[in-house]
Amino acid sequence: MIDTRPTVLLAAYRGRSITADILQLFKQANCIIDVHNTRRSLLSKSRAVRAWHTVSVRRQKDYGEALLSHILRSSYDWIVILDDHTLRIMNELIQDDKIARNILPLSKLENRSVLGSKVALAHLSTTYGLSAPPSVIHILGEDIMAGVAHVSFPLLLKVDESNGGQWMSRCDNESELRIKLRELPMEQRKGRGVVLQRYIQGESIAGEALYKQGSLCAYATSKVEQTIGGEFSASCVRRYSPHPQAVEAMRRAGESLGINGFCSFTFMRDVKADVYYLVEADMRPHAWFTLARFAGVDFSSAIRDYLSHSNTAVISPTMPDTSAEVRYFERDVYRMMQGRDLAGLAQWIFNTEGRWRFIPLYDVRSFIFALEELLYPYVYRFVSAHPAVGVTKRNVKHAFSVFRQSKQPKVRQ
């Protein structure tokens, strides 16, 4: 019997982009899942995946060429890129518009510069009149104060091609700004420059969205309540509730940019003025799309509709008018272990407020692997500090290495 389910290819060069949550999102949408990845991937086995196409490469460009070759000789209903590095690689490699529309999450290819670029997002926000903080693009080597005059302090310094808040800094005066610019690594000084953006004091509002040819199909909005580190690091606890202004901003952004697929947004809400400013837009899915189901938003159902309506728009569902706290298990536990928050860890152990429901037990193998990633640094540190235990650092490295290699599929040269 022929399997008529839609086939989806998930692709990622970076290691942490393929997670059990992402696989569950597409599994629940009744998709046949293939994965194209590298040996850098932390997760390399799952019952949700039909085939792993793992390549051994050293350079990002080599991975892009291998991925493009695989796509051209295969047939998929949807190709979903899971990390910004791969988006940038494919954006540079693909010259044919037909192939680009099949792979890149955009229907308006004139806006493809926005893929993985903060500089391009700032430029296009101005072009389309999207509500964003005043920003200027500073080319390193030019007079920095000429741009500051337009933005004013305090401001954010944002490196063009960065992820998870990396190299993002708040600067309250000229001295701090010049120091932060000097601290940037040489590889971050290349490219299209940096973004100087007015700092908005307020609440960080996250938005997840799925688009079909620029039309908003499904969405979820939430307030970021805790992150794994500083102000600009990844979120681990969110409070989901409706934010109509953010939803309207997402509608406008999708139509203007021609987004075709997933996009996660970050807004800064000026509480006094009740204005939502667009500060980030990443066109790829992540675990929060799966976790949104705890707030009543089923992105898996939206994916089924997306794939079953090949040439028509999908009617946008509404978000339930409720408030729900949702925790990202791996990140929340990591934050507590880093901060030695024993009380917080005890709440996970004893299922306080039903926290166990957030544990990704869709795939036991994947869950065990996530625990291994969490525990390894602490076991290694403990052995280093207590040699009398009789276990050497080499023993720990070998044990975890064997565990990891046992999860790897065959590598395609």
Protein backbone atom coordinates (compact mmCIF):
# COMPACT_ATOMS: atom_id res chain seq x y z
CA MET A 1 0.00 0.00 0.00
CA ILE A 2 1.35 3.42 -0.96
CA ASP A 3 1.97 5.78 1.96
CA THR A 4 0.27 9.06 1.04
CA ARG A 5 1.46 11.05 4.03
CA PRO A 6 3.42 14.24 3.22
CA THR A 7 7.20 13.94 3.29
CA VAL A 8 9.27 16.58 5.09
CA LEU A 9 13.03 17.08 5.08
CA LEU A 10 14.50 18.73 8.19
CA ALA A 11 18.00 20.12 7.64
CA ALA A 12 20.55 21.54 10.07
CA TYR A 13 24.28 22.10 10.10
CA ARG A 14 24.45 23.08 13.76
CA GLY A 15 24.32 20.51 16.54
CA ARG A 16 21.50 21.67 18.82
CA SER A 17 18.94 22.53 16.14
CA ILE A 18 17.48 19.02 15.77
CA THR A 19 15.58 18.27 18.98
CA ALA A 20 12.99 15.75 20.09
CA ASP A 21 10.46 18.61 20.30
CA ILE A 22 10.94 19.51 16.62
CA LEU A 23 10.58 15.88 15.55
CA GLN A 24 7.44 15.54 17.67
CA LEU A 25 5.96 18.63 16.03
CA PHE A 26 6.09 17.00 12.60
CA LYS A 27 5.31 13.50 13.84
CA GLN A 28 2.03 14.78 15.34
CA ALA A 29 1.30 16.41 11.97
CA ASN A 30 1.38 12.88 10.48
CA CYS A 31 4.43 13.60 8.32
CA ILE A 32 7.09 11.23 7.03
CA ILE A 33 10.31 12.76 8.36
CA ASP A 34 13.79 12.64 6.84
CA VAL A 35 16.72 14.46 8.44
CA HIS A 36 19.79 15.87 6.71
CA ASN A 37 22.52 16.73 9.22
CA THR A 38 26.21 16.46 10.14
CA ARG A 39 28.21 14.72 12.80
CA ARG A 40 27.82 17.92 14.83
CA SER A 41 24.21 16.99 15.58
CA LEU A 42 23.65 16.03 19.20
CA LEU A 43 20.54 14.02 18.36
CA SER A 44 21.19 11.40 15.70
CA LYS A 45 18.60 8.70 16.29
CA SER A 46 14.85 8.77 16.75
CA ARG A 47 11.93 6.49 16.00
CA ALA A 48 10.12 9.48 14.49
CA VAL A 49 12.60 9.67 11.60
CA ARG A 50 12.41 7.52 8.48
CA ALA A 51 15.95 8.23 7.27
CA TRP A 52 18.99 10.11 8.57
CA HIS A 53 21.18 11.57 5.82
CA THR A 54 24.31 12.40 7.79
CA VAL A 55 27.30 13.88 5.99
CA SER A 56 30.85 14.33 7.20
CA VAL A 57 32.08 17.81 6.24
CA ARG A 58 34.40 20.40 7.72
CA ARG A 59 33.12 23.60 6.14
CA GLN A 60 29.64 25.11 6.22
CA LYS A 61 29.75 25.64 2.45
CA ASP A 62 30.47 21.93 1.91
CA TYR A 63 27.40 21.07 3.97
CA GLY A 64 25.28 23.46 1.90
CA GLU A 65 26.45 21.84 -1.33
CA ALA A 66 25.73 18.35 0.05
CA LEU A 67 22.26 19.43 1.18
CA LEU A 68 21.44 21.05 -2.16
CA SER A 69 22.59 17.94 -4.03
CA HIS A 70 20.38 15.74 -1.85
CA ILE A 71 17.34 17.98 -2.37
CA LEU A 72 17.76 18.07 -6.16
CA ARG A 73 17.82 14.29 -6.46
CA SER A 74 14.95 13.74 -3.97
CA SER A 75 11.28 14.62 -3.75
CA TYR A 76 9.83 16.28 -0.65
CA ASP A 77 6.57 18.10 0.03
CA TRP A 78 8.32 20.52 2.36
CA ILE A 79 11.93 21.38 3.16
CA VAL A 80 12.43 23.00 6.55
CA ILE A 81 15.80 24.48 7.55
CA LEU A 82 16.32 24.48 11.31
CA ASP A 83 19.26 26.85 11.89
CA ASP A 84 20.42 30.29 10.73
CA HIS A 85 23.80 28.98 9.58
CA THR A 86 22.17 26.67 7.03
CA LEU A 87 19.74 29.40 5.95
CA ARG A 88 22.66 31.72 5.19
CA ILE A 89 24.58 28.99 3.37
CA MET A 90 21.63 28.05 1.17
CA ASN A 91 20.75 31.69 0.52
CA GLU A 92 24.25 32.25 -0.85
CA LEU A 93 24.38 29.00 -2.87
CA ILE A 94 20.97 29.04 -4.58
CA GLN A 95 20.75 31.25 -7.66
CA ASP A 96 17.74 29.70 -9.41
CA ASP A 97 14.46 31.34 -8.27
CA LYS A 98 12.39 28.17 -8.64
CA ILE A 99 14.76 26.20 -6.42
CA ALA A 100 14.94 29.09 -3.96
CA ARG A 101 11.15 29.18 -3.55
CA ASN A 102 11.16 25.45 -2.87
CA ILE A 103 13.82 25.66 -0.15
CA LEU A 104 13.88 29.14 1.41
CA PRO A 105 11.03 30.26 3.75
CA LEU A 106 10.14 33.26 1.59
CA SER A 107 7.75 33.81 -1.31
CA LYS A 108 9.08 37.34 -2.03
CA LEU A 109 12.65 36.56 -3.05
CA GLU A 110 13.54 40.26 -3.25
CA ASN A 111 13.63 40.10 0.56
CA ARG A 112 15.92 37.08 0.87
CA SER A 113 18.68 39.24 2.39
CA VAL A 114 16.68 39.10 5.65
CA LEU A 115 17.50 35.41 6.15
CA GLY A 116 19.77 35.23 9.19
CA SER A 117 20.71 38.92 9.01
CA LYS A 118 19.95 41.54 11.68
CA VAL A 119 21.26 44.30 9.42
CA ALA A 120 18.79 43.34 6.65
CA LEU A 121 15.90 43.08 9.14
CA ALA A 122 16.60 46.62 10.39
CA HIS A 123 16.75 47.90 6.81
CA LEU A 124 13.55 46.14 5.67
CA SER A 125 11.65 47.18 8.81
CA THR A 126 12.26 50.77 7.76
CA THR A 127 11.41 50.04 4.12
CA TYR A 128 8.03 48.47 4.95
CA GLY A 129 7.17 50.75 7.85
CA LEU A 130 7.16 48.00 10.46
CA SER A 131 7.07 49.13 14.08
CA ALA A 132 10.70 48.77 15.13
CA PRO A 133 13.02 50.80 17.38
CA PRO A 134 15.08 53.50 15.61
CA SER A 135 18.15 51.77 14.18
CA VAL A 136 21.23 52.58 12.13
CA ILE A 137 23.69 50.29 10.39
CA HIS A 138 27.25 51.07 11.40
CA ILE A 139 30.13 50.01 9.17
CA LEU A 140 33.18 49.35 11.32
CA GLY A 141 35.83 51.96 10.69
CA GLU A 142 33.39 54.81 10.15
CA ASP A 143 32.55 57.53 12.71
CA ILE A 144 30.47 55.74 15.33
CA MET A 145 28.92 58.89 16.78
CA ALA A 146 27.26 59.82 13.49
CA GLY A 147 24.96 56.81 13.90
CA VAL A 148 24.46 57.30 17.63
CA ALA A 149 23.01 60.76 17.02
CA HIS A 150 20.05 59.12 15.26
CA VAL A 151 19.49 56.39 17.87
CA SER A 152 20.55 57.98 21.21
CA PHE A 153 21.67 56.17 24.38
CA PRO A 154 20.93 53.71 25.87
CA LEU A 155 21.25 51.51 22.78
CA LEU A 156 21.75 47.91 21.73
CA LEU A 157 24.81 46.79 19.81
CA LYS A 158 23.82 43.82 17.61
CA VAL A 159 26.20 41.83 15.42
CA ASP A 160 24.75 41.03 11.99
CA GLU A 161 25.03 37.24 11.90
CA SER A 162 24.67 36.04 15.49
CA ASN A 163 22.33 33.70 17.39
CA GLY A 164 20.80 33.42 20.85
CA GLY A 165 21.79 36.92 21.95
CA GLN A 166 25.48 36.29 21.27
CA TRP A 167 27.53 39.49 20.99
CA MET A 168 24.48 41.60 21.83
CA SER A 169 25.19 44.34 24.37
CA ARG A 170 23.46 47.27 26.00
CA CYS A 171 25.57 50.44 25.91
CA ASP A 172 24.66 53.43 28.09
CA ASN A 173 27.32 55.84 26.81
CA GLU A 174 29.98 56.37 24.15
CA SER A 175 32.76 54.85 26.28
CA GLU A 176 30.86 51.56 26.76
CA LEU A 177 30.01 51.42 23.06
CA ARG A 178 33.62 51.83 21.95
CA ILE A 179 34.77 49.19 24.44
CA LYS A 180 32.16 46.69 23.19
CA LEU A 181 33.14 47.33 19.57
CA ARG A 182 36.80 46.63 20.37
CA GLU A 183 35.82 43.38 22.12
CA LEU A 184 34.17 41.95 19.01
CA PRO A 185 36.13 39.00 17.53
CA MET A 186 37.73 39.60 14.15
CA GLU A 187 35.29 37.26 12.35
CA GLN A 188 32.39 39.37 13.66
CA ARG A 189 33.94 42.55 12.27
CA LYS A 190 33.53 41.34 8.70
CA GLY A 191 30.35 41.52 6.62
CA ARG A 192 27.70 44.18 6.46
CA GLY A 193 28.44 45.89 9.78
CA VAL A 194 26.61 46.05 13.09
CA VAL A 195 23.20 47.38 14.13
CA LEU A 196 22.87 50.21 16.62
CA GLN A 197 19.30 50.10 17.92
CA ARG A 198 17.57 52.20 20.54
CA TYR A 199 17.14 50.19 23.75
CA ILE A 200 13.47 49.77 24.71
CA GLN A 201 12.81 49.37 28.42
CA GLY A 202 9.88 47.03 28.94
CA GLU A 203 8.63 43.47 28.53
CA SER A 204 10.07 40.93 26.11
CA ILE A 205 7.21 39.41 24.10
CA ALA A 206 7.79 36.29 21.99
CA GLY A 207 5.70 35.32 19.00
CA GLU A 208 5.70 32.05 17.05
CA ALA A 209 3.98 32.00 13.67
CA LEU A 210 3.36 29.78 10.65
CA TYR A 211 2.73 31.47 7.28
CA LYS A 212 1.48 30.35 3.89
CA GLN A 213 2.66 32.68 1.11
CA GLY A 214 2.72 35.62 3.53
CA SER A 215 -0.65 34.78 5.13
CA LEU A 216 -0.68 34.07 8.87
CA CYS A 217 -1.94 30.50 9.51
CA ALA A 218 -1.27 29.96 13.22
CA TYR A 219 0.35 31.90 16.03
CA ALA A 220 1.16 31.99 19.73
CA THR A 221 2.30 34.92 21.86
CA SER A 222 3.93 34.92 25.28
CA LYS A 223 5.83 37.06 27.76
CA VAL A 224 9.40 35.91 28.49
CA GLU A 225 9.64 35.47 32.25
CA GLN A 226 13.05 33.83 32.65
CA THR A 227 16.13 33.20 30.50
CA ILE A 228 19.03 30.78 30.93
CA GLY A 229 21.47 33.64 31.48
CA GLY A 230 21.40 37.36 30.93
CA GLU A 231 18.78 39.63 29.44
CA PHE A 232 19.57 38.65 25.85
CA SER A 233 19.99 34.89 26.26
CA ALA A 234 17.52 32.13 25.34
CA SER A 235 14.23 31.94 27.22
CA CYS A 236 13.35 29.01 29.48
CA VAL A 237 10.06 30.13 31.10
CA ARG A 238 7.23 31.91 29.28
CA ARG A 239 3.75 33.11 30.18
CA TYR A 240 1.39 32.54 27.23
CA SER A 241 -1.51 34.92 26.74
CA PRO A 242 -3.05 36.89 23.84
CA HIS A 243 -1.19 40.03 22.67
CA PRO A 244 -3.36 41.43 19.85
CA GLN A 245 -0.91 44.20 18.91
CA ALA A 246 1.89 41.67 18.52
CA VAL A 247 -0.35 39.46 16.36
CA GLU A 248 -1.20 42.40 14.11
CA ALA A 249 2.52 43.20 13.82
CA MET A 250 3.18 39.57 12.84
CA ARG A 251 0.46 39.76 10.17
CA ARG A 252 2.03 42.87 8.67
CA ALA A 253 5.56 41.44 8.81
CA GLY A 254 4.46 38.21 7.09
CA GLU A 255 2.66 40.04 4.29
CA SER A 256 5.46 42.60 3.79
CA LEU A 257 8.36 40.15 3.78
CA GLY A 258 6.47 37.30 2.10
CA ILE A 259 7.23 34.73 4.80
CA ASN A 260 6.38 31.19 3.74
CA GLY A 261 6.91 28.83 6.65
CA PHE A 262 7.90 29.31 10.27
CA CYS A 263 9.03 32.50 11.95
CA SER A 264 9.72 33.36 15.58
CA PHE A 265 9.58 37.00 16.61
CA THR A 266 10.82 39.01 19.55
CA PHE A 267 9.04 42.25 20.45
CA MET A 268 9.85 44.75 23.15
CA ARG A 269 6.70 46.15 24.70
CA ASP A 270 6.91 49.69 26.01
CA VAL A 271 4.48 49.20 28.91
CA LYS A 272 3.76 52.89 29.46
CA ALA A 273 2.95 53.60 25.79
CA ASP A 274 1.61 50.06 25.16
CA VAL A 275 3.61 49.85 21.91
CA TYR A 276 5.18 46.66 20.56
CA TYR A 277 8.52 47.10 18.79
CA LEU A 278 9.84 44.36 16.48
CA VAL A 279 13.47 43.57 17.36
CA GLU A 280 14.09 40.02 16.07
CA ALA A 281 12.67 37.68 13.39
CA ASP A 282 14.11 34.17 12.89
CA MET A 283 12.60 32.16 10.04
CA ARG A 284 12.91 28.68 11.44
CA PRO A 285 11.05 26.46 13.94
CA HIS A 286 12.23 25.55 17.42
CA ALA A 287 10.98 23.76 20.53
CA TRP A 288 8.56 26.54 21.58
CA PHE A 289 6.36 25.71 18.57
CA THR A 290 5.79 22.31 20.17
CA LEU A 291 5.50 23.63 23.73
CA ALA A 292 2.79 26.09 22.66
CA ARG A 293 0.30 23.20 22.85
CA PHE A 294 0.32 23.66 26.65
CA ALA A 295 -1.27 27.05 25.98
CA GLY A 296 -3.87 25.60 23.63
CA VAL A 297 -2.10 26.30 20.31
CA ASP A 298 -1.58 23.21 18.15
CA PHE A 299 1.01 23.95 15.47
CA SER A 300 0.98 20.29 14.37
CA SER A 301 -2.65 20.71 13.30
CA ALA A 302 -1.67 23.91 11.46
CA ILE A 303 1.11 22.01 9.66
CA ARG A 304 -1.42 19.41 8.47
CA ASP A 305 -3.59 22.20 7.08
CA TYR A 306 -0.57 23.90 5.53
CA LEU A 307 0.41 20.74 3.64
CA SER A 308 -3.13 19.74 2.63
CA HIS A 309 -3.90 23.14 1.06
CA SER A 310 -1.16 23.25 -1.53
CA ASN A 311 -2.40 26.29 -3.45
CA THR A 312 -4.80 27.99 -1.04
CA ALA A 313 -4.46 30.08 2.07
CA VAL A 314 -5.15 28.46 5.43
CA ILE A 315 -7.70 30.10 7.72
CA SER A 316 -5.92 31.51 10.75
CA PRO A 317 -7.09 30.07 14.08
CA THR A 318 -7.34 32.24 17.18
CA MET A 319 -5.29 31.82 20.33
CA PRO A 320 -7.25 30.81 23.46
CA ASP A 321 -7.95 33.75 25.78
CA THR A 322 -6.12 32.18 28.71
CA SER A 323 -2.87 32.57 30.63
CA ALA A 324 -0.50 29.61 30.93
CA GLU A 325 3.05 29.30 32.24
CA VAL A 326 5.20 26.97 30.13
CA ARG A 327 8.71 25.74 30.91
CA TYR A 328 11.38 24.47 28.53
CA PHE A 329 12.65 21.45 30.49
CA GLU A 330 16.25 21.25 29.32
CA ARG A 331 16.89 25.00 29.50
CA ASP A 332 15.14 25.46 32.85
CA VAL A 333 17.10 22.63 34.47
CA TYR A 334 20.33 23.98 32.93
CA ARG A 335 19.62 27.43 34.41
CA MET A 336 19.01 25.92 37.84
CA MET A 337 22.13 23.79 37.73
CA GLN A 338 24.23 26.76 36.65
CA GLY A 339 22.78 28.90 39.45
CA ARG A 340 22.80 26.02 41.97
CA ASP A 341 19.08 26.53 42.50
CA LEU A 342 18.38 23.44 44.58
CA ALA A 343 14.85 24.56 45.46
CA GLY A 344 14.02 24.90 41.76
CA LEU A 345 15.48 21.48 40.96
CA ALA A 346 13.44 19.99 43.79
CA GLN A 347 10.30 21.38 42.17
CA TRP A 348 11.14 19.44 39.01
CA ILE A 349 11.95 16.28 41.00
CA PHE A 350 8.68 16.39 42.98
CA ASN A 351 6.50 17.51 40.04
CA THR A 352 5.53 20.81 41.62
CA GLU A 353 2.67 22.45 39.67
CA GLY A 354 2.68 19.45 37.32
CA ARG A 355 6.09 20.27 35.78
CA TRP A 356 6.63 16.72 34.55
CA ARG A 357 4.21 17.40 31.71
CA PHE A 358 6.89 19.59 30.12
CA ILE A 359 9.48 16.78 30.06
CA PRO A 360 9.96 15.63 26.41
CA LEU A 361 9.27 11.91 26.81
CA TYR A 362 8.09 11.47 23.21
CA ASP A 363 11.30 9.54 22.55
CA VAL A 364 13.04 7.93 25.55
CA ARG A 365 16.35 7.69 23.68
CA SER A 366 16.26 11.41 22.93
CA PHE A 367 15.37 12.21 26.53
CA ILE A 368 18.28 10.18 27.90
CA PHE A 369 20.59 11.93 25.46
CA ALA A 370 19.36 15.35 26.65
CA LEU A 371 20.11 14.33 30.23
CA GLU A 372 23.59 13.23 29.18
CA GLU A 373 24.23 16.67 27.70
CA LEU A 374 23.05 18.31 30.92
CA LEU A 375 25.04 16.07 33.27
CA TYR A 376 28.36 15.73 31.43
CA PRO A 377 29.87 19.13 32.44
CA TYR A 378 29.02 18.56 36.11
CA VAL A 379 30.30 14.98 36.24
CA TYR A 380 33.49 16.14 34.52
CA ARG A 381 33.90 19.03 36.96
CA PHE A 382 33.24 16.78 39.98
CA VAL A 383 35.84 14.22 38.89
CA SER A 384 38.37 17.00 38.28
CA ALA A 385 37.85 18.37 41.79
CA HIS A 386 37.78 14.97 43.57
CA PRO A 387 40.60 12.73 42.26
CA ALA A 388 40.20 10.44 45.31
CA VAL A 389 36.96 9.09 43.79
CA GLY A 390 39.12 6.89 41.59
CA VAL A 391 37.59 7.95 38.27
CA THR A 392 39.76 9.96 35.92
CA LYS A 393 38.68 12.72 33.54
CA ARG A 394 39.74 10.41 30.71
CA ASN A 395 37.29 7.74 31.97
CA VAL A 396 34.45 10.27 31.94
CA LYS A 397 35.30 11.50 28.46
CA HIS A 398 35.49 7.94 27.13
CA ALA A 399 32.19 6.86 28.74
CA PHE A 400 30.22 9.78 27.35
CA SER A 401 31.97 9.47 23.98
CA VAL A 402 30.98 5.80 23.68
CA PHE A 403 27.40 6.70 24.64
CA ARG A 404 27.28 9.43 22.00
CA GLN A 405 28.83 7.31 19.24
CA SER A 406 26.35 4.53 19.88
CA LYS A 407 23.62 6.96 18.80
CA GLN A 408 25.22 7.95 15.51
CA PRO A 409 23.95 6.65 12.17
CA LYS A 410 26.21 5.73 9.29
CA VAL A 411 28.03 8.68 7.79
CA ARG A 412 27.63 9.37 4.08
CA GLN A 413 30.86 10.62 2.55
